[in-house]
C-alpha atoms as a PDB file:
ATOM      1  CA  UNK A   1       0.000   0.000   0.000  1.00  0.00           C
ATOM      2  CA  UNK A   2       1.156   3.545  -0.784  1.00  0.00           C
ATOM      3  CA  UNK A   3       0.038   6.147   1.746  1.00  0.00           C
ATOM      4  CA  UNK A   4      -0.099   9.710   0.405  1.00  0.00           C
ATOM      5  CA  UNK A   5      -0.261  12.698   2.767  1.00  0.00           C
ATOM      6  CA  UNK A   6      -0.757  16.199   1.385  1.00  0.00           C
ATOM      7  CA  UNK A   7      -1.451  19.735   2.549  1.00  0.00           C
ATOM      8  CA  UNK A   8       0.192  23.129   3.068  1.00  0.00           C
ATOM      9  CA  UNK A   9       3.420  23.606   5.041  1.00  0.00           C
ATOM     10  CA  UNK A  10       3.235  23.389   8.851  1.00  0.00           C
ATOM     11  CA  UNK A  11      -0.030  21.437   9.060  1.00  0.00           C
ATOM     12  CA  UNK A  12       1.258  18.147  10.498  1.00  0.00           C
ATOM     13  CA  UNK A  13       2.169  16.083   7.426  1.00  0.00           C
ATOM     14  CA  UNK A  14       5.608  15.059   8.679  1.00  0.00           C
ATOM     15  CA  UNK A  15       4.280  14.315  12.175  1.00  0.00           C
ATOM     16  CA  UNK A  16       1.616  12.081  10.645  1.00  0.00           C
ATOM     17  CA  UNK A  17       4.115  10.351   8.346  1.00  0.00           C
ATOM     18  CA  UNK A  18       6.415   9.556  11.276  1.00  0.00           C
ATOM     19  CA  UNK A  19       3.554   8.236  13.422  1.00  0.00           C
ATOM     20  CA  UNK A  20       2.188   6.082  10.613  1.00  0.00           C
ATOM     21  CA  UNK A  21       5.666   4.839   9.777  1.00  0.00           C
ATOM     22  CA  UNK A  22       6.182   3.760  13.379  1.00  0.00           C
ATOM     23  CA  UNK A  23       2.808   1.998  13.627  1.00  0.00           C
ATOM     24  CA  UNK A  24       3.162   0.157  10.314  1.00  0.00           C
ATOM     25  CA  UNK A  25       6.916  -0.391  10.396  1.00  0.00           C
ATOM     26  CA  UNK A  26       7.371   0.980   6.890  1.00  0.00           C
ATOM     27  CA  UNK A  27       9.542   3.802   5.466  1.00  0.00           C
ATOM     28  CA  UNK A  28       8.427   7.303   4.518  1.00  0.00           C
ATOM     29  CA  UNK A  29       9.787  10.033   2.293  1.00  0.00           C
ATOM     30  CA  UNK A  30       9.173  13.745   1.915  1.00  0.00           C
ATOM     31  CA  UNK A  31       8.506  15.023  -1.592  1.00  0.00           C
ATOM     32  CA  UNK A  32      11.061  17.759  -0.809  1.00  0.00           C
ATOM     33  CA  UNK A  33      13.649  14.980  -1.052  1.00  0.00           C
ATOM     34  CA  UNK A  34      12.485  14.073  -4.551  1.00  0.00           C
ATOM     35  CA  UNK A  35      12.827  17.730  -5.505  1.00  0.00           C
ATOM     36  CA  UNK A  36      16.400  17.795  -4.166  1.00  0.00           C
ATOM     37  CA  UNK A  37      17.250  14.655  -6.162  1.00  0.00           C
ATOM     38  CA  UNK A  38      16.153  16.383  -9.372  1.00  0.00           C
ATOM     39  CA  UNK A  39      18.056  19.639  -8.803  1.00  0.00           C
ATOM     40  CA  UNK A  40      21.618  18.496  -9.758  1.00  0.00           C
ATOM     41  CA  UNK A  41      20.417  17.207 -13.119  1.00  0.00           C
ATOM     42  CA  UNK A  42      19.027  20.448 -14.541  1.00  0.00           C
ATOM     43  CA  UNK A  43      20.687  23.797 -15.122  1.00  0.00           C
ATOM     44  CA  UNK A  44      20.106  26.667 -12.711  1.00  0.00           C
ATOM     45  CA  UNK A  45      17.943  28.727 -15.067  1.00  0.00           C
ATOM     46  CA  UNK A  46      15.636  25.805 -15.813  1.00  0.00           C
ATOM     47  CA  UNK A  47      15.475  24.831 -12.145  1.00  0.00           C
ATOM     48  CA  UNK A  48      14.263  28.245 -11.009  1.00  0.00           C
ATOM     49  CA  UNK A  49      11.762  28.353 -13.875  1.00  0.00           C
ATOM     50  CA  UNK A  50      10.267  24.996 -12.947  1.00  0.00           C
ATOM     51  CA  UNK A  51      10.682  25.528  -9.187  1.00  0.00           C
ATOM     52  CA  UNK A  52       9.672  29.185  -8.665  1.00  0.00           C
ATOM     53  CA  UNK A  53       9.163  28.806  -4.922  1.00  0.00           C
ATOM     54  CA  UNK A  54      12.889  28.066  -4.660  1.00  0.00           C
ATOM     55  CA  UNK A  55      13.673  31.261  -6.562  1.00  0.00           C
ATOM     56  CA  UNK A  56      11.541  33.198  -4.059  1.00  0.00           C
ATOM     57  CA  UNK A  57      13.823  32.183  -1.201  1.00  0.00           C
ATOM     58  CA  UNK A  58      15.331  35.395   0.157  1.00  0.00           C
ATOM     59  CA  UNK A  59      17.769  35.890   3.041  1.00  0.00           C
ATOM     60  CA  UNK A  60      14.878  35.420   5.496  1.00  0.00           C
ATOM     61  CA  UNK A  61      11.080  35.226   5.673  1.00  0.00           C
ATOM     62  CA  UNK A  62      10.822  38.941   6.434  1.00  0.00           C
ATOM     63  CA  UNK A  63      12.359  39.857   3.101  1.00  0.00           C
ATOM     64  CA  UNK A  64      10.428  37.174   1.231  1.00  0.00           C
ATOM     65  CA  UNK A  65       7.028  38.220   2.551  1.00  0.00           C
ATOM     66  CA  UNK A  66       7.755  41.865   1.838  1.00  0.00           C
ATOM     67  CA  UNK A  67       8.609  41.032  -1.750  1.00  0.00           C
ATOM     68  CA  UNK A  68       5.916  38.439  -2.544  1.00  0.00           C
ATOM     69  CA  UNK A  69       2.202  38.225  -1.749  1.00  0.00           C
ATOM     70  CA  UNK A  70       0.490  35.128  -0.359  1.00  0.00           C
ATOM     71  CA  UNK A  71      -1.032  34.471  -3.762  1.00  0.00           C
ATOM     72  CA  UNK A  72       2.347  34.656  -5.504  1.00  0.00           C
ATOM     73  CA  UNK A  73       3.893  32.270  -2.994  1.00  0.00           C
ATOM     74  CA  UNK A  74       1.007  29.793  -3.259  1.00  0.00           C
ATOM     75  CA  UNK A  75       1.081  29.865  -7.067  1.00  0.00           C
ATOM     76  CA  UNK A  76       4.824  29.142  -6.932  1.00  0.00           C
ATOM     77  CA  UNK A  77       4.229  26.198  -4.587  1.00  0.00           C
ATOM     78  CA  UNK A  78       1.536  24.869  -6.903  1.00  0.00           C
ATOM     79  CA  UNK A  79       3.805  25.096  -9.928  1.00  0.00           C
ATOM     80  CA  UNK A  80       6.536  23.214  -8.093  1.00  0.00           C
ATOM     81  CA  UNK A  81       3.986  20.560  -7.142  1.00  0.00           C
ATOM     82  CA  UNK A  82       3.019  20.070 -10.778  1.00  0.00           C
ATOM     83  CA  UNK A  83       6.709  19.799 -11.724  1.00  0.00           C
ATOM     84  CA  UNK A  84       7.207  17.006  -9.178  1.00  0.00           C
ATOM     85  CA  UNK A  85       4.099  15.041 -10.227  1.00  0.00           C
ATOM     86  CA  UNK A  86       6.044  12.740 -12.619  1.00  0.00           C
ATOM     87  CA  UNK A  87       8.696  12.023  -9.975  1.00  0.00           C
ATOM     88  CA  UNK A  88       6.058  11.072  -7.409  1.00  0.00           C
ATOM     89  CA  UNK A  89       4.219   8.961  -9.964  1.00  0.00           C
ATOM     90  CA  UNK A  90       7.443   7.166 -10.930  1.00  0.00           C
ATOM     91  CA  UNK A  91       8.327   6.574  -7.276  1.00  0.00           C
ATOM     92  CA  UNK A  92       4.857   5.208  -6.513  1.00  0.00           C
ATOM     93  CA  UNK A  93       4.887   2.966  -9.610  1.00  0.00           C
ATOM     94  CA  UNK A  94       8.275   1.488  -8.674  1.00  0.00           C
ATOM     95  CA  UNK A  95       7.304   0.804  -5.063  1.00  0.00           C
ATOM     96  CA  UNK A  96       4.013  -0.829  -6.082  1.00  0.00           C
ATOM     97  CA  UNK A  97       5.791  -2.910  -8.740  1.00  0.00           C
ATOM     98  CA  UNK A  98       8.310  -4.112  -6.141  1.00  0.00           C
ATOM     99  CA  UNK A  99       5.527  -4.935  -3.686  1.00  0.00           C
ATOM    100  CA  UNK A 100       6.666  -2.356  -1.125  1.00  0.00           C
ATOM    101  CA  UNK A 101       4.566  -0.349   1.306  1.00  0.00           C
ATOM    102  CA  UNK A 102       5.624   3.296   1.527  1.00  0.00           C
ATOM    103  CA  UNK A 103       4.506   6.666   2.881  1.00  0.00           C
ATOM    104  CA  UNK A 104       4.918   9.815   0.759  1.00  0.00           C
ATOM    105  CA  UNK A 105       4.208  13.230   2.268  1.00  0.00           C
ATOM    106  CA  UNK A 106       4.514  16.811   1.108  1.00  0.00           C
ATOM    107  CA  UNK A 107       2.716  19.814  -0.308  1.00  0.00           C
ATOM    108  CA  UNK A 108       3.503  18.403  -3.769  1.00  0.00           C
ATOM    109  CA  UNK A 109       0.922  15.682  -3.031  1.00  0.00           C
ATOM    110  CA  UNK A 110      -2.169  17.418  -4.389  1.00  0.00           C
ATOM    111  CA  UNK A 111      -5.681  15.926  -4.713  1.00  0.00           C
ATOM    112  CA  UNK A 112      -5.485  16.072  -8.515  1.00  0.00           C
ATOM    113  CA  UNK A 113      -2.391  13.857  -8.509  1.00  0.00           C
ATOM    114  CA  UNK A 114      -3.853  11.450  -5.962  1.00  0.00           C
ATOM    115  CA  UNK A 115      -6.967  11.144  -8.102  1.00  0.00           C
ATOM    116  CA  UNK A 116      -4.888  10.111 -11.104  1.00  0.00           C
ATOM    117  CA  UNK A 117      -2.822   7.656  -9.065  1.00  0.00           C
ATOM    118  CA  UNK A 118      -5.967   6.158  -7.517  1.00  0.00           C
ATOM    119  CA  UNK A 119      -7.345   5.496 -10.991  1.00  0.00           C
ATOM    120  CA  UNK A 120      -4.146   3.733 -12.058  1.00  0.00           C
ATOM    121  CA  UNK A 121      -3.688   1.809  -8.823  1.00  0.00           C
ATOM    122  CA  UNK A 122      -7.177   1.551  -7.258  1.00  0.00           C
ATOM    123  CA  UNK A 123      -6.181  -1.095  -4.727  1.00  0.00           C
ATOM    124  CA  UNK A 124      -2.815   0.342  -3.720  1.00  0.00           C
ATOM    125  CA  UNK A 125      -3.447   3.971  -2.751  1.00  0.00           C
ATOM    126  CA  UNK A 126      -4.677   5.520   0.482  1.00  0.00           C
ATOM    127  CA  UNK A 127      -4.564   9.238   1.156  1.00  0.00           C
ATOM    128  CA  UNK A 128      -5.379  11.989   3.593  1.00  0.00           C
ATOM    129  CA  UNK A 129      -4.981  15.764   3.480  1.00  0.00           C
ATOM    130  CA  UNK A 130      -4.343  18.164   6.353  1.00  0.00           C
ATOM    131  CA  UNK A 131      -4.914  21.918   6.542  1.00  0.00           C
ATOM    132  CA  UNK A 132      -5.303  24.857   8.917  1.00  0.00           C
ATOM    133  CA  UNK A 133      -7.675  27.814   8.717  1.00  0.00           C
ATOM    134  CA  UNK A 134      -7.344  29.728  12.017  1.00  0.00           C
ATOM    135  CA  UNK A 135      -4.716  32.423  11.419  1.00  0.00           C
ATOM    136  CA  UNK A 136      -4.508  33.642  15.021  1.00  0.00           C
ATOM    137  CA  UNK A 137      -4.100  30.139  16.409  1.00  0.00           C
ATOM    138  CA  UNK A 138      -1.490  29.323  13.774  1.00  0.00           C
ATOM    139  CA  UNK A 139       0.627  32.278  14.933  1.00  0.00           C
ATOM    140  CA  UNK A 140       0.199  31.307  18.587  1.00  0.00           C
ATOM    141  CA  UNK A 141       1.102  27.670  17.931  1.00  0.00           C
ATOM    142  CA  UNK A 142       4.118  28.403  15.746  1.00  0.00           C
ATOM    143  CA  UNK A 143       5.685  30.508  18.500  1.00  0.00           C
ATOM    144  CA  UNK A 144       5.477  27.439  20.764  1.00  0.00           C
ATOM    145  CA  UNK A 145       6.928  25.113  18.133  1.00  0.00           C
ATOM    146  CA  UNK A 146       9.450  22.550  19.357  1.00  0.00           C
ATOM    147  CA  UNK A 147      10.339  21.407  15.827  1.00  0.00           C
ATOM    148  CA  UNK A 148      14.153  21.376  15.418  1.00  0.00           C
ATOM    149  CA  UNK A 149      15.299  24.117  13.027  1.00  0.00           C
ATOM    150  CA  UNK A 150      11.728  25.253  12.429  1.00  0.00           C
ATOM    151  CA  UNK A 151      11.955  27.245   9.176  1.00  0.00           C
ATOM    152  CA  UNK A 152       9.468  29.858  10.333  1.00  0.00           C
ATOM    153  CA  UNK A 153      11.091  30.646  13.677  1.00  0.00           C
ATOM    154  CA  UNK A 154      14.643  30.316  12.377  1.00  0.00           C
ATOM    155  CA  UNK A 155      14.069  32.658   9.428  1.00  0.00           C
ATOM    156  CA  UNK A 156      11.635  35.198  10.897  1.00  0.00           C
ATOM    157  CA  UNK A 157      12.822  38.214  12.885  1.00  0.00           C
ATOM    158  CA  UNK A 158       9.980  40.722  12.514  1.00  0.00           C
ATOM    159  CA  UNK A 159       6.672  40.198  14.293  1.00  0.00           C
ATOM    160  CA  UNK A 160       4.683  41.598  11.363  1.00  0.00           C
ATOM    161  CA  UNK A 161       5.850  38.712   9.186  1.00  0.00           C
ATOM    162  CA  UNK A 162       4.038  36.039  11.203  1.00  0.00           C
ATOM    163  CA  UNK A 163       0.521  37.116  10.121  1.00  0.00           C
ATOM    164  CA  UNK A 164       1.665  37.104   6.489  1.00  0.00           C
ATOM    165  CA  UNK A 165       2.930  33.527   6.823  1.00  0.00           C
ATOM    166  CA  UNK A 166      -0.316  32.546   8.560  1.00  0.00           C
ATOM    167  CA  UNK A 167      -2.312  34.097   5.721  1.00  0.00           C
ATOM    168  CA  UNK A 168      -0.342  32.109   3.154  1.00  0.00           C
ATOM    169  CA  UNK A 169      -0.732  28.787   4.985  1.00  0.00           C
ATOM    170  CA  UNK A 170      -4.460  29.259   5.569  1.00  0.00           C
ATOM    171  CA  UNK A 171      -5.163  30.502   2.032  1.00  0.00           C
ATOM    172  CA  UNK A 172      -3.217  27.519   0.719  1.00  0.00           C
ATOM    173  CA  UNK A 173      -5.356  25.387   3.001  1.00  0.00           C
ATOM    174  CA  UNK A 174      -8.463  26.728   1.254  1.00  0.00           C
ATOM    175  CA  UNK A 175      -7.106  25.264  -1.992  1.00  0.00           C
ATOM    176  CA  UNK A 176      -6.482  21.838  -0.446  1.00  0.00           C
ATOM    177  CA  UNK A 177      -9.878  21.804   1.254  1.00  0.00           C
ATOM    178  CA  UNK A 178     -11.714  22.686  -1.965  1.00  0.00           C
ATOM    179  CA  UNK A 179      -9.753  20.196  -4.100  1.00  0.00           C
ATOM    180  CA  UNK A 180     -10.074  17.391  -1.543  1.00  0.00           C
ATOM    181  CA  UNK A 181     -13.833  17.819  -1.424  1.00  0.00           C
ATOM    182  CA  UNK A 182     -13.943  17.945  -5.222  1.00  0.00           C
ATOM    183  CA  UNK A 183     -12.330  14.498  -5.419  1.00  0.00           C
ATOM    184  CA  UNK A 184     -14.044  13.217  -2.250  1.00  0.00           C
ATOM    185  CA  UNK A 185     -10.815  12.673  -0.303  1.00  0.00           C
ATOM    186  CA  UNK A 186     -10.440  12.677   3.469  1.00  0.00           C
ATOM    187  CA  UNK A 187      -9.262  16.056   4.790  1.00  0.00           C
ATOM    188  CA  UNK A 188      -8.835  17.171   8.385  1.00  0.00           C
ATOM    189  CA  UNK A 189      -8.654  20.656   9.888  1.00  0.00           C
ATOM    190  CA  UNK A 190      -5.674  20.613  12.251  1.00  0.00           C
ATOM    191  CA  UNK A 191      -6.406  23.890  14.072  1.00  0.00           C
ATOM    192  CA  UNK A 192      -7.576  22.197  17.275  1.00  0.00           C
ATOM    193  CA  UNK A 193      -6.977  18.869  19.034  1.00  0.00           C
ATOM    194  CA  UNK A 194      -3.864  18.295  16.934  1.00  0.00           C
ATOM    195  CA  UNK A 195      -2.837  15.013  18.572  1.00  0.00           C
ATOM    196  CA  UNK A 196      -6.361  13.634  18.278  1.00  0.00           C
ATOM    197  CA  UNK A 197      -6.488  14.585  14.600  1.00  0.00           C
ATOM    198  CA  UNK A 198      -3.157  12.842  13.994  1.00  0.00           C
ATOM    199  CA  UNK A 199      -4.552   9.716  15.648  1.00  0.00           C
ATOM    200  CA  UNK A 200      -7.731   9.988  13.576  1.00  0.00           C
ATOM    201  CA  UNK A 201      -5.611  10.241  10.432  1.00  0.00           C
ATOM    202  CA  UNK A 202      -3.537   7.191  11.397  1.00  0.00           C
ATOM    203  CA  UNK A 203      -6.667   5.178  12.180  1.00  0.00           C
ATOM    204  CA  UNK A 204      -8.228   6.203   8.874  1.00  0.00           C
ATOM    205  CA  UNK A 205      -5.188   5.221   6.831  1.00  0.00           C
ATOM    206  CA  UNK A 206      -4.759   1.927   8.691  1.00  0.00           C
ATOM    207  CA  UNK A 207      -8.399   0.898   8.367  1.00  0.00           C
ATOM    208  CA  UNK A 208      -9.239  -1.997   6.032  1.00  0.00           C
END
């Protein structure tokens, strides 16, 4: 079985992947890793064209969110996701062919892709999507984050940047919520009762 976990950044995808991996005793991979594997094989100009979110990386989040709007950042993420679709599909096809169970998580895992994979491999795909919609709670929670090298805390110095990041994550969440409902996929709002929602997600993915 291939377990696919999608959603915006900072919504619990990695936490869920690790929990599921531990329960099932199977490996997991972030789609960011697949993106890194691709990078050395294409020239810099092509890379930044196909991976615009990478080209938006400034010296810190403060500079990035001054320069780019939430919409521009989300569109860049979505373009990168589309670029990685073939890599995810190839990875999934290989693991299914070899008879391996695997967990794949990342914002690149969009409902549209999961729909296509589910059609090709109807008995080998399970998925869930996570999102957040409460901007104020997101800001409060991120300040209490215990994640090592948290990219928001490590790269944010100005208080006024946090609401901009929260806006981006929650607006991106609107996209995942709408697309998940369109394809009738399981999606959970992670604003409250985070641990319970992670458990619910694990139970859902492990169910027969």
